[in-house]
């Protein structure tokens, strides 16, 4: 950044929308010579809904407006969606300040992206300097684990662990801290409850959030009988809110694990309430999508043994041993695809082997081009899909979607990199019923709900065993992560928050009409002292006429013993 930054017209206008803490973060170090008192690195600790995106966008726009070269600004985010939104906001702010000069400057913001994509870009650009092939493959978590196991097995190494510096060490590199603790999203009662939940955390860096959004409506802690009652309550409330003017897109149901929403999905379908579900099975985790991507990765990098090992075993008659022999032969050659043509076809592979070799050699010689290659892969894969999998129609729909996604990328390498580092959330058989309306309810895992917000939020299964998950209570760090997840879920809500507490859960593996069940206790993260922060609701509410009927039934007394004796007298 140029330390001799010039003043900007209308500076007060575009910074006037920021609060004091946001303005400190945006203007930090500008106009101060290197080594000055205010030119040190800055750590901004920002709570949920405190304007993180807005602050960062203003910071970048402020630097550009002061004369900084946008090509020398690095803007990193965790998701591609956040990166796109951040860049758009920078452009809008720059347009306000710079007018017609905005276009060339904003377009020069070439180093904006996710941590992973920028890291991958740097590795490819400087691959030769670090003795790496620029065509290296990027594996997802599952393939990376497979590769590690393969290497450990080949070399006989055992797992070793290296301690990463603690949080205190990392924080020590910053000499100044700005905290963004004003929340612009949620009402005060929702924030009070959320602050109480996160206030019990063993470690936290943010202060309690505050807001000027007053409300008399507390978040509701809803006690219901079971999962079916939970689904009925949510469906009723969603429809009530829609009739009151809140679109279903402004309402969301959040849950810890994807399978928690099963009963609700059935109820929504029965009532013809359209919904879209995010989270659960990742798009790239489905076997058919991984097959197609593995073939593309193998075409991009024929020395990718994990991709090659998977692809070769798609062919009939090719097992692990045959696949390894083919890969060894290719690995020993300076021209792997040429070596592949000379490999003797494995027994029982038939014509499938010829088609496979011809396709890969065509890709290697760039005869097809992008994105035509993915269409060719889908055409080649379809008969194998029908042979290997059921529900072919659903899986084919995923591959068509994958092909459409591929059309938005300039090259095979860019497509594989971005899709692996920032994958879509869900596959079609996990995304709910088809949209019957342009308005629909949002169902989402809490993980997939990060960076999102809705007017009304319902949090399912706030009981021990679900939040926290019974699989995440072994270590204190795991429990604290579960607490943060509940906090994330609560702070997605703007105006209305319902936290559901089912009392019993039916045991799996019994007859469909079986009644074996277990009782659940309210999540440990909402303790007794926090209850005044919530409105206690029991559902369903017994209507007065039903109450009268029940009292009338209780008043009736029948002498069954006398009646039975009368039957035999």
Foldseek 3Di string as FASTA:
>chain_A
DDLQFDDFPCPCVLCVVDDPLLSCLQCFSHNAPPPDPRNFDEAEAEDPQLCPLVSVLSSLLVCVRRPDQLLPDAAEDAAQVSQVVSLVSNLVSNCVGPPPVSVVRSVSNPRTGYPQVNVLVVCLVCVVVVVHDSLDADDFPVLVVVVVVVVCVVVVDDDDDDDDDDPVVVVVSGPYYGYRQEHPFAEALLLVLLCLLLVPFPDDDHDRHHYPRYDPAHAAAEEEAELLLVLVVVVVVLVVVVVVPFFQALEEEAFAALCSCVNNLVVCVVVVFFEWEFAHQFLCNDPLNVLLLLLLSCLSPVLSLSSQQSNQVLAPQDDNVNSVVLNVQLVVDPHSLVSNVVDDDHPPSPCLSVLSSVLSVCSNVVVQFPPSNLVVSLVSCLVSCVVPDPPSVQSNVSSVVLSVQRVVDRHSSVSSSNCSSHNGGDGPVSTGDPDPDPTHHYYYYLVVCPPAAHQEYEYPAQFPCGQVNPVQPPDSVSNSVSSVSVSSRSSRHRYYYYYYHHFKYADPDDPPPDDHIDGTHGHPSCDPVSVVSHHYHYPDDQDPVNVVVVVVVVPDDDDVVVVVVVVVD
